[in-house]
Amino acid sequence: MTLGFTILFIAGITNILFLLLVFFSCRCMGGSKITQRLFSKEWYTRFYAKHCYFWYGFFISVLTHTIL
């Protein structure tokens, strides 16, 4: 495989990972029954607070994937 294909593959996997991170830290899920229980956990509130950073990572990953 060439370097371009390797970077493309890694960016694709990164897209999926960041998409999952964005989904599970989504502020819209604040009213669902699942996240109501999770908000009492300290680890989830720290994870939830990083939602905007997950978007930045996702956009960079998508741009890298698209450019190549």
PDB file of N, CA and C in Angstrom:
ATOM      1  N   MET A   1       0.833  -1.184   0.000  1.00  0.00           N
ATOM      2  CA  MET A   1       0.000   0.000   0.000  1.00  0.00           C
ATOM      3  C   MET A   1       0.880   1.249   0.000  1.00  0.00           C
ATOM      4  N   THR A   2       0.404   2.268  -0.642  1.00  0.00           N
ATOM      5  CA  THR A   2       1.151   3.520  -0.647  1.00  0.00           C
ATOM      6  C   THR A   2       0.793   4.337   0.581  1.00  0.00           C
ATOM      7  N   LEU A   3       1.563   5.364   0.812  1.00  0.00           N
ATOM      8  CA  LEU A   3       1.337   6.232   1.967  1.00  0.00           C
ATOM      9  C   LEU A   3      -0.044   6.884   1.908  1.00  0.00           C
ATOM     10  N   GLY A   4      -0.468   7.288   0.714  1.00  0.00           N
ATOM     11  CA  GLY A   4      -1.776   7.919   0.558  1.00  0.00           C
ATOM     12  C   GLY A   4      -2.926   7.014   0.968  1.00  0.00           C
ATOM     13  N   PHE A   5      -2.854   5.754   0.552  1.00  0.00           N
ATOM     14  CA  PHE A   5      -3.908   4.805   0.934  1.00  0.00           C
ATOM     15  C   PHE A   5      -3.896   4.527   2.426  1.00  0.00           C
ATOM     16  N   THR A   6      -2.719   4.480   3.004  1.00  0.00           N
ATOM     17  CA  THR A   6      -2.617   4.251   4.446  1.00  0.00           C
ATOM     18  C   THR A   6      -3.236   5.408   5.220  1.00  0.00           C
ATOM     19  N   ILE A   7      -2.911   6.634   4.816  1.00  0.00           N
ATOM     20  CA  ILE A   7      -3.490   7.806   5.483  1.00  0.00           C
ATOM     21  C   ILE A   7      -4.996   7.846   5.266  1.00  0.00           C
ATOM     22  N   LEU A   8      -5.451   7.503   4.080  1.00  0.00           N
ATOM     23  CA  LEU A   8      -6.878   7.464   3.777  1.00  0.00           C
ATOM     24  C   LEU A   8      -7.599   6.453   4.663  1.00  0.00           C
ATOM     25  N   PHE A   9      -7.006   5.288   4.837  1.00  0.00           N
ATOM     26  CA  PHE A   9      -7.599   4.254   5.687  1.00  0.00           C
ATOM     27  C   PHE A   9      -7.654   4.705   7.145  1.00  0.00           C
ATOM     28  N   ILE A  10      -6.560   5.261   7.636  1.00  0.00           N
ATOM     29  CA  ILE A  10      -6.518   5.734   9.021  1.00  0.00           C
ATOM     30  C   ILE A  10      -7.520   6.858   9.238  1.00  0.00           C
ATOM     31  N   ALA A  11      -7.643   7.765   8.267  1.00  0.00           N
ATOM     32  CA  ALA A  11      -8.621   8.855   8.380  1.00  0.00           C
ATOM     33  C   ALA A  11     -10.043   8.309   8.376  1.00  0.00           C
ATOM     34  N   GLY A  12     -10.314   7.282   7.607  1.00  0.00           N
ATOM     35  CA  GLY A  12     -11.647   6.674   7.600  1.00  0.00           C
ATOM     36  C   GLY A  12     -12.003   6.055   8.946  1.00  0.00           C
ATOM     37  N   ILE A  13     -11.049   5.342   9.527  1.00  0.00           N
ATOM     38  CA  ILE A  13     -11.273   4.758  10.858  1.00  0.00           C
ATOM     39  C   ILE A  13     -11.445   5.861  11.895  1.00  0.00           C
ATOM     40  N   THR A  14     -10.636   6.921  11.773  1.00  0.00           N
ATOM     41  CA  THR A  14     -10.746   8.053  12.689  1.00  0.00           C
ATOM     42  C   THR A  14     -12.097   8.742  12.547  1.00  0.00           C
ATOM     43  N   ASN A  15     -12.616   8.837  11.327  1.00  0.00           N
ATOM     44  CA  ASN A  15     -13.956   9.391  11.116  1.00  0.00           C
ATOM     45  C   ASN A  15     -14.988   8.634  11.932  1.00  0.00           C
ATOM     46  N   ILE A  16     -14.929   7.328  11.854  1.00  0.00           N
ATOM     47  CA  ILE A  16     -15.901   6.494  12.576  1.00  0.00           C
ATOM     48  C   ILE A  16     -15.762   6.684  14.081  1.00  0.00           C
ATOM     49  N   LEU A  17     -14.524   6.690  14.578  1.00  0.00           N
ATOM     50  CA  LEU A  17     -14.305   6.848  16.020  1.00  0.00           C
ATOM     51  C   LEU A  17     -14.797   8.206  16.518  1.00  0.00           C
ATOM     52  N   PHE A  18     -14.447   9.271  15.799  1.00  0.00           N
ATOM     53  CA  PHE A  18     -14.902  10.602  16.216  1.00  0.00           C
ATOM     54  C   PHE A  18     -16.410  10.740  16.089  1.00  0.00           C
ATOM     55  N   LEU A  19     -17.010  10.114  15.092  1.00  0.00           N
ATOM     56  CA  LEU A  19     -18.462  10.161  14.956  1.00  0.00           C
ATOM     57  C   LEU A  19     -19.137   9.503  16.167  1.00  0.00           C
ATOM     58  N   LEU A  20     -18.594   8.399  16.619  1.00  0.00           N
ATOM     59  CA  LEU A  20     -19.131   7.739  17.817  1.00  0.00           C
ATOM     60  C   LEU A  20     -18.943   8.604  19.062  1.00  0.00           C
ATOM     61  N   LEU A  21     -17.777   9.231  19.167  1.00  0.00           N
ATOM     62  CA  LEU A  21     -17.538  10.120  20.309  1.00  0.00           C
ATOM     63  C   LEU A  21     -18.505  11.296  20.300  1.00  0.00           C
ATOM     64  N   VAL A  22     -18.732  11.880  19.131  1.00  0.00           N
ATOM     65  CA  VAL A  22     -19.676  12.995  19.017  1.00  0.00           C
ATOM     66  C   VAL A  22     -21.083  12.527  19.373  1.00  0.00           C
ATOM     67  N   PHE A  23     -21.487  11.391  18.879  1.00  0.00           N
ATOM     68  CA  PHE A  23     -22.841  10.885  19.143  1.00  0.00           C
ATOM     69  C   PHE A  23     -23.068  10.643  20.633  1.00  0.00           C
ATOM     70  N   PHE A  24     -22.119   9.965  21.281  1.00  0.00           N
ATOM     71  CA  PHE A  24     -22.324   9.606  22.681  1.00  0.00           C
ATOM     72  C   PHE A  24     -22.090  10.767  23.643  1.00  0.00           C
ATOM     73  N   SER A  25     -21.524  11.872  23.161  1.00  0.00           N
ATOM     74  CA  SER A  25     -21.388  13.056  24.006  1.00  0.00           C
ATOM     75  C   SER A  25     -22.350  14.154  23.565  1.00  0.00           C
ATOM     76  N   CYS A  26     -23.311  13.814  22.734  1.00  0.00           N
ATOM     77  CA  CYS A  26     -24.225  14.800  22.156  1.00  0.00           C
ATOM     78  C   CYS A  26     -25.078  15.448  23.235  1.00  0.00           C
ATOM     79  N   ARG A  27     -25.190  16.744  23.148  1.00  0.00           N
ATOM     80  CA  ARG A  27     -25.980  17.497  24.125  1.00  0.00           C
ATOM     81  C   ARG A  27     -27.481  17.245  23.950  1.00  0.00           C
ATOM     82  N   CYS A  28     -27.881  16.783  22.803  1.00  0.00           N
ATOM     83  CA  CYS A  28     -29.291  16.474  22.549  1.00  0.00           C
ATOM     84  C   CYS A  28     -29.744  15.233  23.317  1.00  0.00           C
ATOM     85  N   MET A  29     -28.798  14.418  23.734  1.00  0.00           N
ATOM     86  CA  MET A  29     -29.156  13.202  24.455  1.00  0.00           C
ATOM     87  C   MET A  29     -29.363  13.459  25.945  1.00  0.00           C
ATOM     88  N   GLY A  30     -29.282  14.716  26.361  1.00  0.00           N
ATOM     89  CA  GLY A  30     -29.408  15.063  27.776  1.00  0.00           C
ATOM     90  C   GLY A  30     -30.734  14.666  28.406  1.00  0.00           C
ATOM     91  N   GLY A  31     -31.790  14.574  27.644  1.00  0.00           N
ATOM     92  CA  GLY A  31     -33.086  14.226  28.193  1.00  0.00           C
ATOM     93  C   GLY A  31     -33.429  12.752  28.107  1.00  0.00           C
ATOM     94  N   SER A  32     -32.592  11.967  27.461  1.00  0.00           N
ATOM     95  CA  SER A  32     -32.936  10.547  27.327  1.00  0.00           C
ATOM     96  C   SER A  32     -32.706   9.809  28.640  1.00  0.00           C
ATOM     97  N   LYS A  33     -33.371   8.702  28.799  1.00  0.00           N
ATOM     98  CA  LYS A  33     -33.284   7.942  30.046  1.00  0.00           C
ATOM     99  C   LYS A  33     -31.892   7.371  30.283  1.00  0.00           C
ATOM    100  N   ILE A  34     -31.214   7.027  29.201  1.00  0.00           N
ATOM    101  CA  ILE A  34     -29.868   6.462  29.345  1.00  0.00           C
ATOM    102  C   ILE A  34     -28.916   7.508  29.903  1.00  0.00           C
ATOM    103  N   THR A  35     -28.940   8.702  29.333  1.00  0.00           N
ATOM    104  CA  THR A  35     -27.981   9.717  29.776  1.00  0.00           C
ATOM    105  C   THR A  35     -28.362  10.334  31.113  1.00  0.00           C
ATOM    106  N   GLN A  36     -29.617  10.261  31.505  1.00  0.00           N
ATOM    107  CA  GLN A  36     -29.991  10.773  32.826  1.00  0.00           C
ATOM    108  C   GLN A  36     -29.237  10.019  33.912  1.00  0.00           C
ATOM    109  N   ARG A  37     -29.082   8.730  33.760  1.00  0.00           N
ATOM    110  CA  ARG A  37     -28.311   7.935  34.726  1.00  0.00           C
ATOM    111  C   ARG A  37     -26.826   8.251  34.624  1.00  0.00           C
ATOM    112  N   LEU A  38     -26.359   8.461  33.401  1.00  0.00           N
ATOM    113  CA  LEU A  38     -24.934   8.704  33.202  1.00  0.00           C
ATOM    114  C   LEU A  38     -24.483  10.057  33.742  1.00  0.00           C
ATOM    115  N   PHE A  39     -25.369  11.054  33.767  1.00  0.00           N
ATOM    116  CA  PHE A  39     -24.980  12.374  34.250  1.00  0.00           C
ATOM    117  C   PHE A  39     -24.594  12.360  35.725  1.00  0.00           C
ATOM    118  N   SER A  40     -25.010  11.364  36.459  1.00  0.00           N
ATOM    119  CA  SER A  40     -24.612  11.275  37.864  1.00  0.00           C
ATOM    120  C   SER A  40     -23.192  10.738  38.015  1.00  0.00           C
ATOM    121  N   LYS A  41     -22.629  10.218  36.947  1.00  0.00           N
ATOM    122  CA  LYS A  41     -21.259   9.691  36.968  1.00  0.00           C
ATOM    123  C   LYS A  41     -20.272  10.794  36.615  1.00  0.00           C
ATOM    124  N   GLU A  42     -19.196  10.895  37.373  1.00  0.00           N
ATOM    125  CA  GLU A  42     -18.199  11.940  37.139  1.00  0.00           C
ATOM    126  C   GLU A  42     -17.482  11.753  35.800  1.00  0.00           C
ATOM    127  N   TRP A  43     -17.184  10.513  35.425  1.00  0.00           N
ATOM    128  CA  TRP A  43     -16.465  10.257  34.185  1.00  0.00           C
ATOM    129  C   TRP A  43     -17.276  10.695  32.978  1.00  0.00           C
ATOM    130  N   TYR A  44     -18.612  10.553  33.056  1.00  0.00           N
ATOM    131  CA  TYR A  44     -19.445  10.942  31.915  1.00  0.00           C
ATOM    132  C   TYR A  44     -19.540  12.456  31.794  1.00  0.00           C
ATOM    133  N   THR A  45     -19.602  13.162  32.905  1.00  0.00           N
ATOM    134  CA  THR A  45     -19.668  14.621  32.817  1.00  0.00           C
ATOM    135  C   THR A  45     -18.367  15.190  32.240  1.00  0.00           C
ATOM    136  N   ARG A  46     -17.223  14.577  32.554  1.00  0.00           N
ATOM    137  CA  ARG A  46     -15.960  15.010  31.942  1.00  0.00           C
ATOM    138  C   ARG A  46     -15.959  14.689  30.444  1.00  0.00           C
ATOM    139  N   PHE A  47     -16.455  13.516  30.082  1.00  0.00           N
ATOM    140  CA  PHE A  47     -16.562  13.105  28.677  1.00  0.00           C
ATOM    141  C   PHE A  47     -17.519  14.038  27.927  1.00  0.00           C
ATOM    142  N   TYR A  48     -18.641  14.351  28.525  1.00  0.00           N
ATOM    143  CA  TYR A  48     -19.672  15.211  27.953  1.00  0.00           C
ATOM    144  C   TYR A  48     -19.136  16.628  27.715  1.00  0.00           C
ATOM    145  N   ALA A  49     -18.258  17.092  28.600  1.00  0.00           N
ATOM    146  CA  ALA A  49     -17.707  18.447  28.496  1.00  0.00           C
ATOM    147  C   ALA A  49     -16.768  18.599  27.298  1.00  0.00           C
ATOM    148  N   LYS A  50     -16.281  17.509  26.745  1.00  0.00           N
ATOM    149  CA  LYS A  50     -15.340  17.554  25.627  1.00  0.00           C
ATOM    150  C   LYS A  50     -16.032  17.427  24.266  1.00  0.00           C
ATOM    151  N   HIS A  51     -17.325  17.546  24.224  1.00  0.00           N
ATOM    152  CA  HIS A  51     -18.103  17.357  22.998  1.00  0.00           C
ATOM    153  C   HIS A  51     -17.606  18.245  21.850  1.00  0.00           C
ATOM    154  N   CYS A  52     -17.349  19.510  22.111  1.00  0.00           N
ATOM    155  CA  CYS A  52     -16.911  20.428  21.050  1.00  0.00           C
ATOM    156  C   CYS A  52     -15.557  20.029  20.486  1.00  0.00           C
ATOM    157  N   TYR A  53     -14.678  19.513  21.323  1.00  0.00           N
ATOM    158  CA  TYR A  53     -13.368  19.072  20.842  1.00  0.00           C
ATOM    159  C   TYR A  53     -13.493  17.842  19.945  1.00  0.00           C
ATOM    160  N   PHE A  54     -14.448  16.994  20.229  1.00  0.00           N
ATOM    161  CA  PHE A  54     -14.682  15.835  19.370  1.00  0.00           C
ATOM    162  C   PHE A  54     -15.104  16.282  17.972  1.00  0.00           C
ATOM    163  N   TRP A  55     -15.881  17.361  17.889  1.00  0.00           N
ATOM    164  CA  TRP A  55     -16.282  17.886  16.583  1.00  0.00           C
ATOM    165  C   TRP A  55     -15.072  18.365  15.797  1.00  0.00           C
ATOM    166  N   TYR A  56     -14.154  19.076  16.466  1.00  0.00           N
ATOM    167  CA  TYR A  56     -12.935  19.539  15.776  1.00  0.00           C
ATOM    168  C   TYR A  56     -12.157  18.357  15.218  1.00  0.00           C
ATOM    169  N   GLY A  57     -11.987  17.326  16.023  1.00  0.00           N
ATOM    170  CA  GLY A  57     -11.286  16.137  15.552  1.00  0.00           C
ATOM    171  C   GLY A  57     -11.997  15.491  14.378  1.00  0.00           C
ATOM    172  N   PHE A  58     -13.318  15.446  14.433  1.00  0.00           N
ATOM    173  CA  PHE A  58     -14.101  14.857  13.357  1.00  0.00           C
ATOM    174  C   PHE A  58     -13.938  15.651  12.064  1.00  0.00           C
ATOM    175  N   PHE A  59     -14.021  16.984  12.154  1.00  0.00           N
ATOM    176  CA  PHE A  59     -13.880  17.818  10.953  1.00  0.00           C
ATOM    177  C   PHE A  59     -12.494  17.683  10.329  1.00  0.00           C
ATOM    178  N   ILE A  60     -11.466  17.674  11.160  1.00  0.00           N
ATOM    179  CA  ILE A  60     -10.102  17.516  10.634  1.00  0.00           C
ATOM    180  C   ILE A  60      -9.956  16.160   9.955  1.00  0.00           C
ATOM    181  N   SER A  61     -10.509  15.146  10.564  1.00  0.00           N
ATOM    182  CA  SER A  61     -10.442  13.804   9.991  1.00  0.00           C
ATOM    183  C   SER A  61     -11.197  13.717   8.667  1.00  0.00           C
ATOM    184  N   VAL A  62     -12.357  14.328   8.609  1.00  0.00           N
ATOM    185  CA  VAL A  62     -13.141  14.311   7.366  1.00  0.00           C
ATOM    186  C   VAL A  62     -12.422  15.097   6.272  1.00  0.00           C
ATOM    187  N   LEU A  63     -11.860  16.242   6.605  1.00  0.00           N
ATOM    188  CA  LEU A  63     -11.122  17.019   5.605  1.00  0.00           C
ATOM    189  C   LEU A  63      -9.926  16.250   5.081  1.00  0.00           C
ATOM    190  N   THR A  64      -9.190  15.597   5.962  1.00  0.00           N
ATOM    191  CA  THR A  64      -8.049  14.792   5.537  1.00  0.00           C
ATOM    192  C   THR A  64      -8.512  13.669   4.623  1.00  0.00           C
ATOM    193  N   HIS A  65      -9.579  13.013   5.003  1.00  0.00           N
ATOM    194  CA  HIS A  65     -10.114  11.903   4.213  1.00  0.00           C
ATOM    195  C   HIS A  65     -10.599  12.395   2.845  1.00  0.00           C
ATOM    196  N   THR A  66     -11.212  13.568   2.816  1.00  0.00           N
ATOM    197  CA  THR A  66     -11.759  14.106   1.568  1.00  0.00           C
ATOM    198  C   THR A  66     -10.655  14.598   0.628  1.00  0.00           C
ATOM    199  N   ILE A  67      -9.661  15.251   1.165  1.00  0.00           N
ATOM    200  CA  ILE A  67      -8.589  15.804   0.334  1.00  0.00           C
ATOM    201  C   ILE A  67      -7.806  14.691  -0.361  1.00  0.00           C
ATOM    202  N   LEU A  68      -7.584  13.597   0.346  1.00  0.00           N
ATOM    203  CA  LEU A  68      -6.831  12.501  -0.261  1.00  0.00           C
ATOM    204  C   LEU A  68      -7.747  11.692  -1.158  1.00  0.00           C
TER     205      LEU A  68
END
